[in-house]
mmCIF file of all heavy atoms, coordinates in Angstrom:
data_MODEL
# 
_entry.id   MODEL 
# 
loop_
_atom_site.group_PDB 
_atom_site.id 
_atom_site.type_symbol 
_atom_site.label_atom_id 
_atom_site.label_alt_id 
_atom_site.label_comp_id 
_atom_site.label_asym_id 
_atom_site.label_entity_id 
_atom_site.label_seq_id 
_atom_site.pdbx_PDB_ins_code 
_atom_site.Cartn_x 
_atom_site.Cartn_y 
_atom_site.Cartn_z 
_atom_site.occupancy 
_atom_site.B_iso_or_equiv 
_atom_site.pdbx_formal_charge 
_atom_site.auth_seq_id 
_atom_site.auth_comp_id 
_atom_site.auth_asym_id 
_atom_site.auth_atom_id 
_atom_site.pdbx_PDB_model_num 
ATOM 1   N N   . ALA A 1 1  ? 0.823  -1.213 0.000  1.00 0.00 ? 1  ALA A N   1 
ATOM 2   C CA  . ALA A 1 1  ? 0.000  0.000  0.000  1.00 0.00 ? 1  ALA A CA  1 
ATOM 3   C C   . ALA A 1 1  ? 0.856  1.262  0.000  1.00 0.00 ? 1  ALA A C   1 
ATOM 4   O O   . ALA A 1 1  ? 0.533  2.241  -0.663 1.00 0.00 ? 1  ALA A O   1 
ATOM 5   C CB  . ALA A 1 1  ? -0.930 -0.001 1.214  1.00 0.00 ? 1  ALA A CB  1 
ATOM 6   N N   . ARG A 1 2  ? 1.951  1.282  0.758  1.00 0.00 ? 2  ARG A N   1 
ATOM 7   C CA  . ARG A 1 2  ? 2.816  2.463  0.826  1.00 0.00 ? 2  ARG A CA  1 
ATOM 8   C C   . ARG A 1 2  ? 4.284  2.068  0.641  1.00 0.00 ? 2  ARG A C   1 
ATOM 9   O O   . ARG A 1 2  ? 5.096  2.142  1.567  1.00 0.00 ? 2  ARG A O   1 
ATOM 10  C CB  . ARG A 1 2  ? 2.653  3.178  2.173  1.00 0.00 ? 2  ARG A CB  1 
ATOM 11  C CG  . ARG A 1 2  ? 1.368  3.944  2.367  1.00 0.00 ? 2  ARG A CG  1 
ATOM 12  C CD  . ARG A 1 2  ? 1.177  5.066  1.361  1.00 0.00 ? 2  ARG A CD  1 
ATOM 13  N NE  . ARG A 1 2  ? 2.235  6.037  1.319  1.00 0.00 ? 2  ARG A NE  1 
ATOM 14  C CZ  . ARG A 1 2  ? 2.254  7.166  2.045  1.00 0.00 ? 2  ARG A CZ  1 
ATOM 15  N NH1 . ARG A 1 2  ? 1.258  7.427  2.882  1.00 0.00 ? 2  ARG A NH1 1 
ATOM 16  N NH2 . ARG A 1 2  ? 3.250  8.021  1.918  1.00 0.00 ? 2  ARG A NH2 1 
ATOM 17  N N   . PRO A 1 3  ? 4.655  1.643  -0.564 1.00 0.00 ? 3  PRO A N   1 
ATOM 18  C CA  . PRO A 1 3  ? 6.048  1.241  -0.782 1.00 0.00 ? 3  PRO A CA  1 
ATOM 19  C C   . PRO A 1 3  ? 7.035  2.372  -0.543 1.00 0.00 ? 3  PRO A C   1 
ATOM 20  O O   . PRO A 1 3  ? 8.165  2.127  -0.129 1.00 0.00 ? 3  PRO A O   1 
ATOM 21  C CB  . PRO A 1 3  ? 6.058  0.794  -2.253 1.00 0.00 ? 3  PRO A CB  1 
ATOM 22  C CG  . PRO A 1 3  ? 4.881  1.463  -2.874 1.00 0.00 ? 3  PRO A CG  1 
ATOM 23  C CD  . PRO A 1 3  ? 3.850  1.537  -1.801 1.00 0.00 ? 3  PRO A CD  1 
ATOM 24  N N   . ASP A 1 4  ? 6.610  3.629  -0.776 1.00 0.00 ? 4  ASP A N   1 
ATOM 25  C CA  . ASP A 1 4  ? 7.524  4.764  -0.592 1.00 0.00 ? 4  ASP A CA  1 
ATOM 26  C C   . ASP A 1 4  ? 7.960  4.901  0.854  1.00 0.00 ? 4  ASP A C   1 
ATOM 27  O O   . ASP A 1 4  ? 9.109  5.277  1.134  1.00 0.00 ? 4  ASP A O   1 
ATOM 28  C CB  . ASP A 1 4  ? 6.859  6.052  -1.068 1.00 0.00 ? 4  ASP A CB  1 
ATOM 29  C CG  . ASP A 1 4  ? 5.546  6.343  -0.340 1.00 0.00 ? 4  ASP A CG  1 
ATOM 30  O OD1 . ASP A 1 4  ? 4.791  5.383  -0.067 1.00 0.00 ? 4  ASP A OD1 1 
ATOM 31  O OD2 . ASP A 1 4  ? 5.274  7.523  -0.058 1.00 0.00 ? 4  ASP A OD2 1 
ATOM 32  N N   . VAL A 1 5  ? 7.054  4.586  1.797  1.00 0.00 ? 5  VAL A N   1 
ATOM 33  C CA  . VAL A 1 5  ? 7.375  4.719  3.221  1.00 0.00 ? 5  VAL A CA  1 
ATOM 34  C C   . VAL A 1 5  ? 8.479  3.737  3.614  1.00 0.00 ? 5  VAL A C   1 
ATOM 35  O O   . VAL A 1 5  ? 9.482  4.111  4.235  1.00 0.00 ? 5  VAL A O   1 
ATOM 36  C CB  . VAL A 1 5  ? 6.124  4.477  4.088  1.00 0.00 ? 5  VAL A CB  1 
ATOM 37  C CG1 . VAL A 1 5  ? 6.487  4.504  5.573  1.00 0.00 ? 5  VAL A CG1 1 
ATOM 38  C CG2 . VAL A 1 5  ? 5.061  5.525  3.770  1.00 0.00 ? 5  VAL A CG2 1 
ATOM 39  N N   . TYR A 1 6  ? 8.297  2.488  3.227  1.00 0.00 ? 6  TYR A N   1 
ATOM 40  C CA  . TYR A 1 6  ? 9.276  1.464  3.591  1.00 0.00 ? 6  TYR A CA  1 
ATOM 41  C C   . TYR A 1 6  ? 10.593 1.653  2.832  1.00 0.00 ? 6  TYR A C   1 
ATOM 42  O O   . TYR A 1 6  ? 11.674 1.411  3.383  1.00 0.00 ? 6  TYR A O   1 
ATOM 43  C CB  . TYR A 1 6  ? 8.695  0.073  3.331  1.00 0.00 ? 6  TYR A CB  1 
ATOM 44  C CG  . TYR A 1 6  ? 7.606  -0.298 4.309  1.00 0.00 ? 6  TYR A CG  1 
ATOM 45  C CD1 . TYR A 1 6  ? 6.276  -0.030 4.033  1.00 0.00 ? 6  TYR A CD1 1 
ATOM 46  C CD2 . TYR A 1 6  ? 7.917  -0.887 5.535  1.00 0.00 ? 6  TYR A CD2 1 
ATOM 47  C CE1 . TYR A 1 6  ? 5.271  -0.347 4.934  1.00 0.00 ? 6  TYR A CE1 1 
ATOM 48  C CE2 . TYR A 1 6  ? 6.926  -1.214 6.440  1.00 0.00 ? 6  TYR A CE2 1 
ATOM 49  C CZ  . TYR A 1 6  ? 5.595  -0.936 6.138  1.00 0.00 ? 6  TYR A CZ  1 
ATOM 50  O OH  . TYR A 1 6  ? 4.617  -1.246 7.047  1.00 0.00 ? 6  TYR A OH  1 
ATOM 51  N N   . ALA A 1 7  ? 10.502 2.094  1.585  1.00 0.00 ? 7  ALA A N   1 
ATOM 52  C CA  . ALA A 1 7  ? 11.718 2.342  0.809  1.00 0.00 ? 7  ALA A CA  1 
ATOM 53  C C   . ALA A 1 7  ? 12.544 3.441  1.467  1.00 0.00 ? 7  ALA A C   1 
ATOM 54  O O   . ALA A 1 7  ? 13.766 3.331  1.605  1.00 0.00 ? 7  ALA A O   1 
ATOM 55  C CB  . ALA A 1 7  ? 11.365 2.733  -0.623 1.00 0.00 ? 7  ALA A CB  1 
ATOM 56  N N   . THR A 1 8  ? 11.878 4.510  1.904  1.00 0.00 ? 8  THR A N   1 
ATOM 57  C CA  . THR A 1 8  ? 12.582 5.622  2.540  1.00 0.00 ? 8  THR A CA  1 
ATOM 58  C C   . THR A 1 8  ? 13.149 5.211  3.893  1.00 0.00 ? 8  THR A C   1 
ATOM 59  O O   . THR A 1 8  ? 14.277 5.603  4.249  1.00 0.00 ? 8  THR A O   1 
ATOM 60  C CB  . THR A 1 8  ? 11.635 6.828  2.707  1.00 0.00 ? 8  THR A CB  1 
ATOM 61  O OG1 . THR A 1 8  ? 11.118 7.187  1.428  1.00 0.00 ? 8  THR A OG1 1 
ATOM 62  C CG2 . THR A 1 8  ? 12.369 8.019  3.296  1.00 0.00 ? 8  THR A CG2 1 
ATOM 63  N N   . LEU A 1 9  ? 12.403 4.428  4.652  1.00 0.00 ? 9  LEU A N   1 
ATOM 64  C CA  . LEU A 1 9  ? 12.890 3.963  5.957  1.00 0.00 ? 9  LEU A CA  1 
ATOM 65  C C   . LEU A 1 9  ? 14.141 3.107  5.781  1.00 0.00 ? 9  LEU A C   1 
ATOM 66  O O   . LEU A 1 9  ? 15.136 3.276  6.499  1.00 0.00 ? 9  LEU A O   1 
ATOM 67  C CB  . LEU A 1 9  ? 11.789 3.166  6.672  1.00 0.00 ? 9  LEU A CB  1 
ATOM 68  C CG  . LEU A 1 9  ? 12.150 2.585  8.047  1.00 0.00 ? 9  LEU A CG  1 
ATOM 69  C CD1 . LEU A 1 9  ? 12.592 3.679  9.007  1.00 0.00 ? 9  LEU A CD1 1 
ATOM 70  C CD2 . LEU A 1 9  ? 10.965 1.803  8.619  1.00 0.00 ? 9  LEU A CD2 1 
ATOM 71  N N   . GLY A 1 10 ? 14.110 2.193  4.815  1.00 0.00 ? 10 GLY A N   1 
ATOM 72  C CA  . GLY A 1 10 ? 15.279 1.351  4.577  1.00 0.00 ? 10 GLY A CA  1 
ATOM 73  C C   . GLY A 1 10 ? 16.481 2.157  4.136  1.00 0.00 ? 10 GLY A C   1 
ATOM 74  O O   . GLY A 1 10 ? 17.616 1.908  4.565  1.00 0.00 ? 10 GLY A O   1 
ATOM 75  N N   . LYS A 1 11 ? 16.262 3.156  3.267  1.00 0.00 ? 11 LYS A N   1 
ATOM 76  C CA  . LYS A 1 11 ? 17.361 4.022  2.822  1.00 0.00 ? 11 LYS A CA  1 
ATOM 77  C C   . LYS A 1 11 ? 17.946 4.792  4.004  1.00 0.00 ? 11 LYS A C   1 
ATOM 78  O O   . LYS A 1 11 ? 19.153 4.999  4.092  1.00 0.00 ? 11 LYS A O   1 
ATOM 79  C CB  . LYS A 1 11 ? 16.856 5.003  1.762  1.00 0.00 ? 11 LYS A CB  1 
ATOM 80  C CG  . LYS A 1 11 ? 16.621 4.382  0.398  1.00 0.00 ? 11 LYS A CG  1 
ATOM 81  C CD  . LYS A 1 11 ? 16.042 5.386  -0.564 1.00 0.00 ? 11 LYS A CD  1 
ATOM 82  C CE  . LYS A 1 11 ? 17.032 6.499  -0.890 1.00 0.00 ? 11 LYS A CE  1 
ATOM 83  N NZ  . LYS A 1 11 ? 16.446 7.487  -1.830 1.00 0.00 ? 11 LYS A NZ  1 
ATOM 84  N N   . ALA A 1 12 ? 17.069 5.230  4.928  1.00 0.00 ? 12 ALA A N   1 
ATOM 85  C CA  . ALA A 1 12 ? 17.546 5.959  6.108  1.00 0.00 ? 12 ALA A CA  1 
ATOM 86  C C   . ALA A 1 12 ? 18.380 5.049  7.005  1.00 0.00 ? 12 ALA A C   1 
ATOM 87  O O   . ALA A 1 12 ? 19.400 5.473  7.564  1.00 0.00 ? 12 ALA A O   1 
ATOM 88  C CB  . ALA A 1 12 ? 16.358 6.531  6.881  1.00 0.00 ? 12 ALA A CB  1 
ATOM 89  N N   . TYR A 1 13 ? 17.955 3.780  7.152  1.00 0.00 ? 13 TYR A N   1 
ATOM 90  C CA  . TYR A 1 13 ? 18.764 2.819  7.910  1.00 0.00 ? 13 TYR A CA  1 
ATOM 91  C C   . TYR A 1 13 ? 20.170 2.711  7.290  1.00 0.00 ? 13 TYR A C   1 
ATOM 92  O O   . TYR A 1 13 ? 21.180 2.783  7.989  1.00 0.00 ? 13 TYR A O   1 
ATOM 93  C CB  . TYR A 1 13 ? 18.124 1.428  7.885  1.00 0.00 ? 13 TYR A CB  1 
ATOM 94  C CG  . TYR A 1 13 ? 16.921 1.236  8.777  1.00 0.00 ? 13 TYR A CG  1 
ATOM 95  C CD1 . TYR A 1 13 ? 15.901 0.350  8.409  1.00 0.00 ? 13 TYR A CD1 1 
ATOM 96  C CD2 . TYR A 1 13 ? 16.795 1.908  9.987  1.00 0.00 ? 13 TYR A CD2 1 
ATOM 97  C CE1 . TYR A 1 13 ? 14.786 0.151  9.218  1.00 0.00 ? 13 TYR A CE1 1 
ATOM 98  C CE2 . TYR A 1 13 ? 15.688 1.714  10.801 1.00 0.00 ? 13 TYR A CE2 1 
ATOM 99  C CZ  . TYR A 1 13 ? 14.685 0.832  10.407 1.00 0.00 ? 13 TYR A CZ  1 
ATOM 100 O OH  . TYR A 1 13 ? 13.590 0.635  11.210 1.00 0.00 ? 13 TYR A OH  1 
ATOM 101 N N   . ALA A 1 14 ? 20.205 2.520  5.974  1.00 0.00 ? 14 ALA A N   1 
ATOM 102 C CA  . ALA A 1 14 ? 21.488 2.336  5.286  1.00 0.00 ? 14 ALA A CA  1 
ATOM 103 C C   . ALA A 1 14 ? 22.363 3.575  5.417  1.00 0.00 ? 14 ALA A C   1 
ATOM 104 O O   . ALA A 1 14 ? 23.564 3.481  5.680  1.00 0.00 ? 14 ALA A O   1 
ATOM 105 C CB  . ALA A 1 14 ? 21.254 2.002  3.819  1.00 0.00 ? 14 ALA A CB  1 
ATOM 106 N N   . ALA A 1 15 ? 21.745 4.757  5.236  1.00 0.00 ? 15 ALA A N   1 
ATOM 107 C CA  . ALA A 1 15 ? 22.514 6.001  5.283  1.00 0.00 ? 15 ALA A CA  1 
ATOM 108 C C   . ALA A 1 15 ? 23.029 6.302  6.681  1.00 0.00 ? 15 ALA A C   1 
ATOM 109 O O   . ALA A 1 15 ? 24.019 7.024  6.839  1.00 0.00 ? 15 ALA A O   1 
ATOM 110 C CB  . ALA A 1 15 ? 21.656 7.156  4.790  1.00 0.00 ? 15 ALA A CB  1 
ATOM 111 N N   . SER A 1 16 ? 22.369 5.748  7.702  1.00 0.00 ? 16 SER A N   1 
ATOM 112 C CA  . SER A 1 16 ? 22.821 5.987  9.076  1.00 0.00 ? 16 SER A CA  1 
ATOM 113 C C   . SER A 1 16 ? 23.726 4.865  9.581  1.00 0.00 ? 16 SER A C   1 
ATOM 114 O O   . SER A 1 16 ? 23.940 4.717  10.779 1.00 0.00 ? 16 SER A O   1 
ATOM 115 C CB  . SER A 1 16 ? 21.616 6.154  10.009 1.00 0.00 ? 16 SER A CB  1 
ATOM 116 O OG  . SER A 1 16 ? 20.803 4.988  9.989  1.00 0.00 ? 16 SER A OG  1 
ATOM 117 N N   . GLY A 1 17 ? 24.259 4.053  8.667  1.00 0.00 ? 17 GLY A N   1 
ATOM 118 C CA  . GLY A 1 17 ? 25.223 3.021  9.039  1.00 0.00 ? 17 GLY A CA  1 
ATOM 119 C C   . GLY A 1 17 ? 24.607 1.740  9.553  1.00 0.00 ? 17 GLY A C   1 
ATOM 120 O O   . GLY A 1 17 ? 25.245 1.005  10.312 1.00 0.00 ? 17 GLY A O   1 
ATOM 121 N N   . GLN A 1 18 ? 23.355 1.450  9.152  1.00 0.00 ? 18 GLN A N   1 
ATOM 122 C CA  . GLN A 1 18 ? 22.692 0.215  9.578  1.00 0.00 ? 18 GLN A CA  1 
ATOM 123 C C   . GLN A 1 18 ? 22.248 -0.606 8.361  1.00 0.00 ? 18 GLN A C   1 
ATOM 124 O O   . GLN A 1 18 ? 21.054 -0.869 8.188  1.00 0.00 ? 18 GLN A O   1 
ATOM 125 C CB  . GLN A 1 18 ? 21.473 0.549  10.444 1.00 0.00 ? 18 GLN A CB  1 
ATOM 126 C CG  . GLN A 1 18 ? 21.777 1.428  11.644 1.00 0.00 ? 18 GLN A CG  1 
ATOM 127 C CD  . GLN A 1 18 ? 20.518 1.817  12.395 1.00 0.00 ? 18 GLN A CD  1 
ATOM 128 O OE1 . GLN A 1 18 ? 19.853 0.985  13.024 1.00 0.00 ? 18 GLN A OE1 1 
ATOM 129 N NE2 . GLN A 1 18 ? 20.161 3.088  12.322 1.00 0.00 ? 18 GLN A NE2 1 
ATOM 130 N N   . PRO A 1 19 ? 23.193 -0.997 7.498  1.00 0.00 ? 19 PRO A N   1 
ATOM 131 C CA  . PRO A 1 19 ? 22.806 -1.708 6.269  1.00 0.00 ? 19 PRO A CA  1 
ATOM 132 C C   . PRO A 1 19 ? 22.116 -3.041 6.530  1.00 0.00 ? 19 PRO A C   1 
ATOM 133 O O   . PRO A 1 19 ? 21.269 -3.466 5.743  1.00 0.00 ? 19 PRO A O   1 
ATOM 134 C CB  . PRO A 1 19 ? 24.131 -1.888 5.528  1.00 0.00 ? 19 PRO A CB  1 
ATOM 135 C CG  . PRO A 1 19 ? 25.181 -1.793 6.583  1.00 0.00 ? 19 PRO A CG  1 
ATOM 136 C CD  . PRO A 1 19 ? 24.649 -0.823 7.586  1.00 0.00 ? 19 PRO A CD  1 
ATOM 137 N N   . LYS A 1 20 ? 22.464 -3.717 7.627  1.00 0.00 ? 20 LYS A N   1 
ATOM 138 C CA  . LYS A 1 20 ? 21.816 -5.003 7.922  1.00 0.00 ? 20 LYS A CA  1 
ATOM 139 C C   . LYS A 1 20 ? 20.330 -4.821 8.182  1.00 0.00 ? 20 LYS A C   1 
ATOM 140 O O   . LYS A 1 20 ? 19.503 -5.629 7.736  1.00 0.00 ? 20 LYS A O   1 
ATOM 141 C CB  . LYS A 1 20 ? 22.486 -5.671 9.123  1.00 0.00 ? 20 LYS A CB  1 
ATOM 142 C CG  . LYS A 1 20 ? 23.875 -6.224 8.810  1.00 0.00 ? 20 LYS A CG  1 
ATOM 143 C CD  . LYS A 1 20 ? 24.454 -6.960 9.997  1.00 0.00 ? 20 LYS A CD  1 
ATOM 144 C CE  . LYS A 1 20 ? 25.840 -7.518 9.676  1.00 0.00 ? 20 LYS A CE  1 
ATOM 145 N NZ  . LYS A 1 20 ? 26.437 -8.204 10.841 1.00 0.00 ? 20 LYS A NZ  1 
ATOM 146 N N   . ARG A 1 21 ? 19.963 -3.747 8.908  1.00 0.00 ? 21 ARG A N   1 
ATOM 147 C CA  . ARG A 1 21 ? 18.547 -3.469 9.148  1.00 0.00 ? 21 ARG A CA  1 
ATOM 148 C C   . ARG A 1 21 ? 17.841 -3.155 7.830  1.00 0.00 ? 21 ARG A C   1 
ATOM 149 O O   . ARG A 1 21 ? 16.681 -3.530 7.631  1.00 0.00 ? 21 ARG A O   1 
ATOM 150 C CB  . ARG A 1 21 ? 18.384 -2.293 10.111 1.00 0.00 ? 21 ARG A CB  1 
ATOM 151 C CG  . ARG A 1 21 ? 18.775 -2.590 11.542 1.00 0.00 ? 21 ARG A CG  1 
ATOM 152 C CD  . ARG A 1 21 ? 18.414 -1.437 12.459 1.00 0.00 ? 21 ARG A CD  1 
ATOM 153 N NE  . ARG A 1 21 ? 16.981 -1.367 12.693 1.00 0.00 ? 21 ARG A NE  1 
ATOM 154 C CZ  . ARG A 1 21 ? 16.395 -0.412 13.407 1.00 0.00 ? 21 ARG A CZ  1 
ATOM 155 N NH1 . ARG A 1 21 ? 17.127 0.572  13.941 1.00 0.00 ? 21 ARG A NH1 1 
ATOM 156 N NH2 . ARG A 1 21 ? 15.090 -0.403 13.585 1.00 0.00 ? 21 ARG A NH2 1 
ATOM 157 N N   . ALA A 1 22 ? 18.555 -2.463 6.942  1.00 0.00 ? 22 ALA A N   1 
ATOM 158 C CA  . ALA A 1 22 ? 17.978 -2.148 5.630  1.00 0.00 ? 22 ALA A CA  1 
ATOM 159 C C   . ALA A 1 22 ? 17.712 -3.422 4.843  1.00 0.00 ? 22 ALA A C   1 
ATOM 160 O O   . ALA A 1 22 ? 16.631 -3.592 4.251  1.00 0.00 ? 22 ALA A O   1 
ATOM 161 C CB  . ALA A 1 22 ? 18.915 -1.222 4.853  1.00 0.00 ? 22 ALA A CB  1 
ATOM 162 N N   . VAL A 1 23 ? 18.681 -4.337 4.824  1.00 0.00 ? 23 VAL A N   1 
ATOM 163 C CA  . VAL A 1 23 ? 18.507 -5.605 4.105  1.00 0.00 ? 23 VAL A CA  1 
ATOM 164 C C   . VAL A 1 23 ? 17.328 -6.376 4.674  1.00 0.00 ? 23 VAL A C   1 
ATOM 165 O O   . VAL A 1 23 ? 16.475 -6.880 3.934  1.00 0.00 ? 23 VAL A O   1 
ATOM 166 C CB  . VAL A 1 23 ? 19.795 -6.451 4.177  1.00 0.00 ? 23 VAL A CB  1 
ATOM 167 C CG1 . VAL A 1 23 ? 19.538 -7.870 3.692  1.00 0.00 ? 23 VAL A CG1 1 
ATOM 168 C CG2 . VAL A 1 23 ? 20.907 -5.818 3.344  1.00 0.00 ? 23 VAL A CG2 1 
ATOM 169 N N   . GLU A 1 24 ? 17.248 -6.468 5.998  1.00 0.00 ? 24 GLU A N   1 
ATOM 170 C CA  . GLU A 1 24 ? 16.149 -7.215 6.635  1.00 0.00 ? 24 GLU A CA  1 
ATOM 171 C C   . GLU A 1 24 ? 14.796 -6.600 6.299  1.00 0.00 ? 24 GLU A C   1 
ATOM 172 O O   . GLU A 1 24 ? 13.826 -7.311 6.006  1.00 0.00 ? 24 GLU A O   1 
ATOM 173 C CB  . GLU A 1 24 ? 16.360 -7.247 8.151  1.00 0.00 ? 24 GLU A CB  1 
ATOM 174 C CG  . GLU A 1 24 ? 17.547 -8.115 8.576  1.00 0.00 ? 24 GLU A CG  1 
ATOM 175 C CD  . GLU A 1 24 ? 17.931 -7.899 10.034 1.00 0.00 ? 24 GLU A CD  1 
ATOM 176 O OE1 . GLU A 1 24 ? 17.255 -7.076 10.709 1.00 0.00 ? 24 GLU A OE1 1 
ATOM 177 O OE2 . GLU A 1 24 ? 18.906 -8.529 10.497 1.00 0.00 ? 24 GLU A OE2 1 
ATOM 178 N N   . LEU A 1 25 ? 14.711 -5.258 6.337  1.00 0.00 ? 25 LEU A N   1 
ATOM 179 C CA  . LEU A 1 25 ? 13.455 -4.585 6.034  1.00 0.00 ? 25 LEU A CA  1 
ATOM 180 C C   . LEU A 1 25 ? 13.031 -4.832 4.587  1.00 0.00 ? 25 LEU A C   1 
ATOM 181 O O   . LEU A 1 25 ? 11.879 -5.178 4.308  1.00 0.00 ? 25 LEU A O   1 
ATOM 182 C CB  . LEU A 1 25 ? 13.585 -3.080 6.289  1.00 0.00 ? 25 LEU A CB  1 
ATOM 183 C CG  . LEU A 1 25 ? 12.359 -2.245 5.929  1.00 0.00 ? 25 LEU A CG  1 
ATOM 184 C CD1 . LEU A 1 25 ? 11.202 -2.569 6.870  1.00 0.00 ? 25 LEU A CD1 1 
ATOM 185 C CD2 . LEU A 1 25 ? 12.670 -0.754 5.972  1.00 0.00 ? 25 LEU A CD2 1 
ATOM 186 N N   . PHE A 1 26 ? 13.969 -4.659 3.647  1.00 0.00 ? 26 PHE A N   1 
ATOM 187 C CA  . PHE A 1 26 ? 13.629 -4.810 2.236  1.00 0.00 ? 26 PHE A CA  1 
ATOM 188 C C   . PHE A 1 26 ? 13.285 -6.265 1.891  1.00 0.00 ? 26 PHE A C   1 
ATOM 189 O O   . PHE A 1 26 ? 12.436 -6.520 1.032  1.00 0.00 ? 26 PHE A O   1 
ATOM 190 C CB  . PHE A 1 26 ? 14.770 -4.307 1.349  1.00 0.00 ? 26 PHE A CB  1 
ATOM 191 C CG  . PHE A 1 26 ? 14.969 -2.818 1.430  1.00 0.00 ? 26 PHE A CG  1 
ATOM 192 C CD1 . PHE A 1 26 ? 16.238 -2.265 1.444  1.00 0.00 ? 26 PHE A CD1 1 
ATOM 193 C CD2 . PHE A 1 26 ? 13.882 -1.965 1.505  1.00 0.00 ? 26 PHE A CD2 1 
ATOM 194 C CE1 . PHE A 1 26 ? 16.415 -0.897 1.519  1.00 0.00 ? 26 PHE A CE1 1 
ATOM 195 C CE2 . PHE A 1 26 ? 14.046 -0.588 1.576  1.00 0.00 ? 26 PHE A CE2 1 
ATOM 196 C CZ  . PHE A 1 26 ? 15.320 -0.054 1.590  1.00 0.00 ? 26 PHE A CZ  1 
# 
């Protein structure tokens, strides 16, 4: 329903040095 929300959250995880959280979310 809101892919933009999750895409932005994952990008924020990655940009803040949490790539593993980004991978898990995506």
